């Protein structure tokens, strides 16, 4: 059986989607870890409550699953909650920079091909409100996307390992 050959842009879109999915997974496991580690009893909904059953406009308890922290803030909270002897579980904060560049940057293809450009700008500069600073300027190709997918998945697995080790009930 032969593999389906995608158009270069379709392959690029597929891997960008995989990278975005990897970021979503990282954020979700960070929130789950912090929920188990830091949520006070009064912040926990009744056992079995389905967050997805709430209608738009409903009020729910504020906790690590529902708060408005950014990925960078979640990483800082997670890393600071780890036991001091488990730096191997720490998530590299730079992973959030890549996510922010993709979410808030501009992706363009200067020409039809397999390479794109990713550029991101700062908010206006206080002393020069008519200017912004370039904060990211990368050439993005499939190799870069694949390496970032692996990088984010590696960071996610650190959290999964920490969660299993610190929050699993002993077998009965």
C-alpha atoms as a PDB file:
ATOM      1  CA  UNK A   1       0.000   0.000   0.000  1.00  0.00           C
ATOM      2  CA  UNK A   2       1.407   3.408  -0.940  1.00  0.00           C
ATOM      3  CA  UNK A   3       1.193   6.429   1.312  1.00  0.00           C
ATOM      4  CA  UNK A   4      -0.975   9.315   0.244  1.00  0.00           C
ATOM      5  CA  UNK A   5       1.194  12.149  -1.091  1.00  0.00           C
ATOM      6  CA  UNK A   6      -0.076  15.518   0.068  1.00  0.00           C
ATOM      7  CA  UNK A   7       0.345  18.829  -1.689  1.00  0.00           C
ATOM      8  CA  UNK A   8       3.131  20.762   0.123  1.00  0.00           C
ATOM      9  CA  UNK A   9       0.650  23.273   1.551  1.00  0.00           C
ATOM     10  CA  UNK A  10      -1.687  20.507   2.742  1.00  0.00           C
ATOM     11  CA  UNK A  11       1.229  18.773   4.450  1.00  0.00           C
ATOM     12  CA  UNK A  12       2.165  22.085   6.084  1.00  0.00           C
ATOM     13  CA  UNK A  13      -1.404  22.625   7.305  1.00  0.00           C
ATOM     14  CA  UNK A  14      -1.571  19.055   8.659  1.00  0.00           C
ATOM     15  CA  UNK A  15       1.595  19.524  10.717  1.00  0.00           C
ATOM     16  CA  UNK A  16       0.550  22.962  11.923  1.00  0.00           C
ATOM     17  CA  UNK A  17      -2.683  21.348  13.148  1.00  0.00           C
ATOM     18  CA  UNK A  18      -0.680  18.636  14.911  1.00  0.00           C
ATOM     19  CA  UNK A  19       1.431  21.310  16.606  1.00  0.00           C
ATOM     20  CA  UNK A  20      -1.631  23.230  17.757  1.00  0.00           C
ATOM     21  CA  UNK A  21      -3.129  19.983  19.067  1.00  0.00           C
ATOM     22  CA  UNK A  22       0.108  19.284  20.971  1.00  0.00           C
ATOM     23  CA  UNK A  23      -0.123  22.737  22.601  1.00  0.00           C
ATOM     24  CA  UNK A  24      -3.735  22.058  23.598  1.00  0.00           C
ATOM     25  CA  UNK A  25      -2.686  18.742  25.161  1.00  0.00           C
ATOM     26  CA  UNK A  26       0.135  20.415  27.094  1.00  0.00           C
ATOM     27  CA  UNK A  27      -2.198  23.079  28.472  1.00  0.00           C
ATOM     28  CA  UNK A  28      -4.813  20.501  29.463  1.00  0.00           C
ATOM     29  CA  UNK A  29      -2.378  18.241  31.345  1.00  0.00           C
ATOM     30  CA  UNK A  30      -0.864  21.280  33.092  1.00  0.00           C
ATOM     31  CA  UNK A  31      -4.343  22.326  34.229  1.00  0.00           C
ATOM     32  CA  UNK A  32      -5.152  18.785  35.389  1.00  0.00           C
ATOM     33  CA  UNK A  33      -1.897  18.573  37.326  1.00  0.00           C
ATOM     34  CA  UNK A  34      -2.447  21.960  38.990  1.00  0.00           C
ATOM     35  CA  UNK A  35      -6.041  21.036  39.799  1.00  0.00           C
ATOM     36  CA  UNK A  36      -4.893  17.923  41.661  1.00  0.00           C
ATOM     37  CA  UNK A  37      -1.969  19.712  43.287  1.00  0.00           C
ATOM     38  CA  UNK A  38      -3.416  23.082  44.279  1.00  0.00           C
ATOM     39  CA  UNK A  39      -7.222  23.248  44.134  1.00  0.00           C
ATOM     40  CA  UNK A  40      -8.769  23.749  47.566  1.00  0.00           C
ATOM     41  CA  UNK A  41     -11.814  21.587  48.445  1.00  0.00           C
ATOM     42  CA  UNK A  42     -14.175  24.560  48.030  1.00  0.00           C
ATOM     43  CA  UNK A  43     -12.843  25.052  44.470  1.00  0.00           C
ATOM     44  CA  UNK A  44     -13.712  21.519  43.428  1.00  0.00           C
ATOM     45  CA  UNK A  45     -17.081  20.881  41.795  1.00  0.00           C
ATOM     46  CA  UNK A  46     -19.191  17.928  42.934  1.00  0.00           C
ATOM     47  CA  UNK A  47     -17.711  14.586  41.852  1.00  0.00           C
ATOM     48  CA  UNK A  48     -18.794  13.713  38.322  1.00  0.00           C
ATOM     49  CA  UNK A  49     -19.824  17.241  37.291  1.00  0.00           C
ATOM     50  CA  UNK A  50     -19.369  17.682  33.535  1.00  0.00           C
ATOM     51  CA  UNK A  51     -17.916  21.116  32.725  1.00  0.00           C
ATOM     52  CA  UNK A  52     -19.038  20.709  29.131  1.00  0.00           C
ATOM     53  CA  UNK A  53     -22.682  20.399  30.212  1.00  0.00           C
ATOM     54  CA  UNK A  54     -22.786  24.079  31.256  1.00  0.00           C
ATOM     55  CA  UNK A  55     -24.490  26.519  28.910  1.00  0.00           C
ATOM     56  CA  UNK A  56     -22.801  29.725  27.766  1.00  0.00           C
ATOM     57  CA  UNK A  57     -23.238  32.285  30.538  1.00  0.00           C
ATOM     58  CA  UNK A  58     -23.281  29.711  33.352  1.00  0.00           C
ATOM     59  CA  UNK A  59     -21.182  30.363  36.445  1.00  0.00           C
ATOM     60  CA  UNK A  60     -18.727  27.651  37.453  1.00  0.00           C
ATOM     61  CA  UNK A  61     -16.191  27.385  40.275  1.00  0.00           C
ATOM     62  CA  UNK A  62     -12.844  29.068  39.697  1.00  0.00           C
ATOM     63  CA  UNK A  63     -10.021  26.534  39.785  1.00  0.00           C
ATOM     64  CA  UNK A  64      -7.026  25.539  37.641  1.00  0.00           C
ATOM     65  CA  UNK A  65      -9.326  23.922  35.068  1.00  0.00           C
ATOM     66  CA  UNK A  66     -11.415  27.083  34.608  1.00  0.00           C
ATOM     67  CA  UNK A  67      -9.106  30.033  35.296  1.00  0.00           C
ATOM     68  CA  UNK A  68      -7.839  32.386  32.622  1.00  0.00           C
ATOM     69  CA  UNK A  69      -4.077  31.869  33.031  1.00  0.00           C
ATOM     70  CA  UNK A  70      -1.943  31.814  29.918  1.00  0.00           C
ATOM     71  CA  UNK A  71       0.200  28.828  28.974  1.00  0.00           C
ATOM     72  CA  UNK A  72       3.276  30.692  30.234  1.00  0.00           C
ATOM     73  CA  UNK A  73       1.594  31.354  33.601  1.00  0.00           C
ATOM     74  CA  UNK A  74       0.522  27.710  33.871  1.00  0.00           C
ATOM     75  CA  UNK A  75       4.094  26.566  33.223  1.00  0.00           C
ATOM     76  CA  UNK A  76       5.442  28.874  35.941  1.00  0.00           C
ATOM     77  CA  UNK A  77       2.811  27.619  38.424  1.00  0.00           C
ATOM     78  CA  UNK A  78       3.487  23.988  37.501  1.00  0.00           C
ATOM     79  CA  UNK A  79       7.282  24.299  37.731  1.00  0.00           C
ATOM     80  CA  UNK A  80       7.073  26.070  41.100  1.00  0.00           C
ATOM     81  CA  UNK A  81       4.831  23.324  42.499  1.00  0.00           C
ATOM     82  CA  UNK A  82       7.283  20.507  41.750  1.00  0.00           C
ATOM     83  CA  UNK A  83       9.355  18.854  44.446  1.00  0.00           C
ATOM     84  CA  UNK A  84      12.825  20.476  44.527  1.00  0.00           C
ATOM     85  CA  UNK A  85      14.538  17.206  43.608  1.00  0.00           C
ATOM     86  CA  UNK A  86      12.494  16.700  40.406  1.00  0.00           C
ATOM     87  CA  UNK A  87      13.816  19.290  37.962  1.00  0.00           C
ATOM     88  CA  UNK A  88      13.570  16.599  35.284  1.00  0.00           C
ATOM     89  CA  UNK A  89       9.798  17.164  35.350  1.00  0.00           C
ATOM     90  CA  UNK A  90      10.098  20.924  34.771  1.00  0.00           C
ATOM     91  CA  UNK A  91       8.547  22.218  31.559  1.00  0.00           C
ATOM     92  CA  UNK A  92      10.806  24.520  29.563  1.00  0.00           C
ATOM     93  CA  UNK A  93       9.175  27.985  29.627  1.00  0.00           C
ATOM     94  CA  UNK A  94      10.276  28.679  26.037  1.00  0.00           C
ATOM     95  CA  UNK A  95       7.611  26.292  24.775  1.00  0.00           C
ATOM     96  CA  UNK A  96       5.053  29.037  25.482  1.00  0.00           C
ATOM     97  CA  UNK A  97       6.975  31.494  23.300  1.00  0.00           C
ATOM     98  CA  UNK A  98       6.533  29.240  20.278  1.00  0.00           C
ATOM     99  CA  UNK A  99       2.811  28.902  20.974  1.00  0.00           C
ATOM    100  CA  UNK A 100       2.447  32.676  21.370  1.00  0.00           C
ATOM    101  CA  UNK A 101       4.352  33.323  18.137  1.00  0.00           C
ATOM    102  CA  UNK A 102       1.993  31.045  16.221  1.00  0.00           C
ATOM    103  CA  UNK A 103      -1.125  32.403  17.946  1.00  0.00           C
ATOM    104  CA  UNK A 104      -0.255  36.105  17.700  1.00  0.00           C
ATOM    105  CA  UNK A 105       2.208  36.261  14.824  1.00  0.00           C
ATOM    106  CA  UNK A 106       1.713  36.436  11.089  1.00  0.00           C
ATOM    107  CA  UNK A 107       2.443  33.481   8.856  1.00  0.00           C
ATOM    108  CA  UNK A 108       3.029  34.115   5.178  1.00  0.00           C
ATOM    109  CA  UNK A 109       4.490  32.360   2.195  1.00  0.00           C
ATOM    110  CA  UNK A 110       6.695  34.775   0.265  1.00  0.00           C
ATOM    111  CA  UNK A 111       6.345  32.414  -2.696  1.00  0.00           C
ATOM    112  CA  UNK A 112       4.685  29.111  -3.430  1.00  0.00           C
ATOM    113  CA  UNK A 113       6.807  26.443  -1.801  1.00  0.00           C
ATOM    114  CA  UNK A 114       7.398  24.435   1.310  1.00  0.00           C
ATOM    115  CA  UNK A 115       8.701  27.293   3.464  1.00  0.00           C
ATOM    116  CA  UNK A 116       6.682  29.911   5.284  1.00  0.00           C
ATOM    117  CA  UNK A 117       7.696  32.920   7.316  1.00  0.00           C
ATOM    118  CA  UNK A 118       6.542  33.544  10.888  1.00  0.00           C
ATOM    119  CA  UNK A 119       6.868  37.064  12.237  1.00  0.00           C
ATOM    120  CA  UNK A 120       5.565  38.508  15.498  1.00  0.00           C
ATOM    121  CA  UNK A 121       5.588  42.045  16.837  1.00  0.00           C
ATOM    122  CA  UNK A 122       5.577  43.601  20.309  1.00  0.00           C
ATOM    123  CA  UNK A 123       2.870  45.921  21.594  1.00  0.00           C
ATOM    124  CA  UNK A 124       3.576  49.585  20.774  1.00  0.00           C
ATOM    125  CA  UNK A 125       6.698  50.925  22.465  1.00  0.00           C
ATOM    126  CA  UNK A 126       5.881  53.353  25.301  1.00  0.00           C
ATOM    127  CA  UNK A 127       8.486  55.939  24.282  1.00  0.00           C
ATOM    128  CA  UNK A 128       7.667  55.532  20.584  1.00  0.00           C
ATOM    129  CA  UNK A 129       3.966  54.638  20.369  1.00  0.00           C
ATOM    130  CA  UNK A 130       4.096  54.699  16.579  1.00  0.00           C
ATOM    131  CA  UNK A 131       6.544  51.749  16.497  1.00  0.00           C
ATOM    132  CA  UNK A 132       6.578  48.089  17.410  1.00  0.00           C
ATOM    133  CA  UNK A 133       9.529  45.759  17.841  1.00  0.00           C
ATOM    134  CA  UNK A 134      10.003  42.539  15.847  1.00  0.00           C
ATOM    135  CA  UNK A 135      10.066  39.774  18.480  1.00  0.00           C
ATOM    136  CA  UNK A 136      10.058  36.669  16.240  1.00  0.00           C
ATOM    137  CA  UNK A 137      11.208  36.268  12.643  1.00  0.00           C
ATOM    138  CA  UNK A 138      11.565  32.649  11.539  1.00  0.00           C
ATOM    139  CA  UNK A 139      11.583  30.572   8.413  1.00  0.00           C
ATOM    140  CA  UNK A 140       9.172  27.725   9.050  1.00  0.00           C
ATOM    141  CA  UNK A 141       9.269  24.480   7.107  1.00  0.00           C
ATOM    142  CA  UNK A 142       8.041  20.944   7.725  1.00  0.00           C
ATOM    143  CA  UNK A 143      11.246  19.977   9.534  1.00  0.00           C
ATOM    144  CA  UNK A 144      10.752  22.891  11.974  1.00  0.00           C
ATOM    145  CA  UNK A 145       7.095  22.003  12.528  1.00  0.00           C
ATOM    146  CA  UNK A 146       7.951  18.346  13.153  1.00  0.00           C
ATOM    147  CA  UNK A 147      10.720  19.280  15.604  1.00  0.00           C
ATOM    148  CA  UNK A 148       8.334  21.587  17.485  1.00  0.00           C
ATOM    149  CA  UNK A 149       5.678  18.851  17.662  1.00  0.00           C
ATOM    150  CA  UNK A 150       8.274  16.514  19.211  1.00  0.00           C
ATOM    151  CA  UNK A 151       9.442  19.255  21.595  1.00  0.00           C
ATOM    152  CA  UNK A 152       5.921  20.031  22.845  1.00  0.00           C
ATOM    153  CA  UNK A 153       5.098  16.327  23.201  1.00  0.00           C
ATOM    154  CA  UNK A 154       8.282  15.827  25.256  1.00  0.00           C
ATOM    155  CA  UNK A 155       7.234  18.662  27.567  1.00  0.00           C
ATOM    156  CA  UNK A 156       3.733  17.168  27.856  1.00  0.00           C
ATOM    157  CA  UNK A 157       5.111  13.753  28.800  1.00  0.00           C
ATOM    158  CA  UNK A 158       7.071  15.345  31.661  1.00  0.00           C
ATOM    159  CA  UNK A 159       3.792  16.596  33.140  1.00  0.00           C
ATOM    160  CA  UNK A 160       2.087  13.248  32.574  1.00  0.00           C
ATOM    161  CA  UNK A 161       4.954  11.466  34.366  1.00  0.00           C
ATOM    162  CA  UNK A 162       4.841  13.932  37.284  1.00  0.00           C
ATOM    163  CA  UNK A 163       1.068  13.607  37.514  1.00  0.00           C
ATOM    164  CA  UNK A 164       1.151   9.797  37.535  1.00  0.00           C
ATOM    165  CA  UNK A 165       3.915   9.711  40.124  1.00  0.00           C
ATOM    166  CA  UNK A 166       2.565  12.363  42.491  1.00  0.00           C
ATOM    167  CA  UNK A 167      -1.187  11.931  42.169  1.00  0.00           C
ATOM    168  CA  UNK A 168      -1.798   8.236  41.508  1.00  0.00           C
ATOM    169  CA  UNK A 169      -3.429   6.233  44.238  1.00  0.00           C
ATOM    170  CA  UNK A 170      -1.450   3.205  45.374  1.00  0.00           C
ATOM    171  CA  UNK A 171      -2.803  -0.068  44.032  1.00  0.00           C
ATOM    172  CA  UNK A 172      -5.070  -1.853  46.476  1.00  0.00           C
END
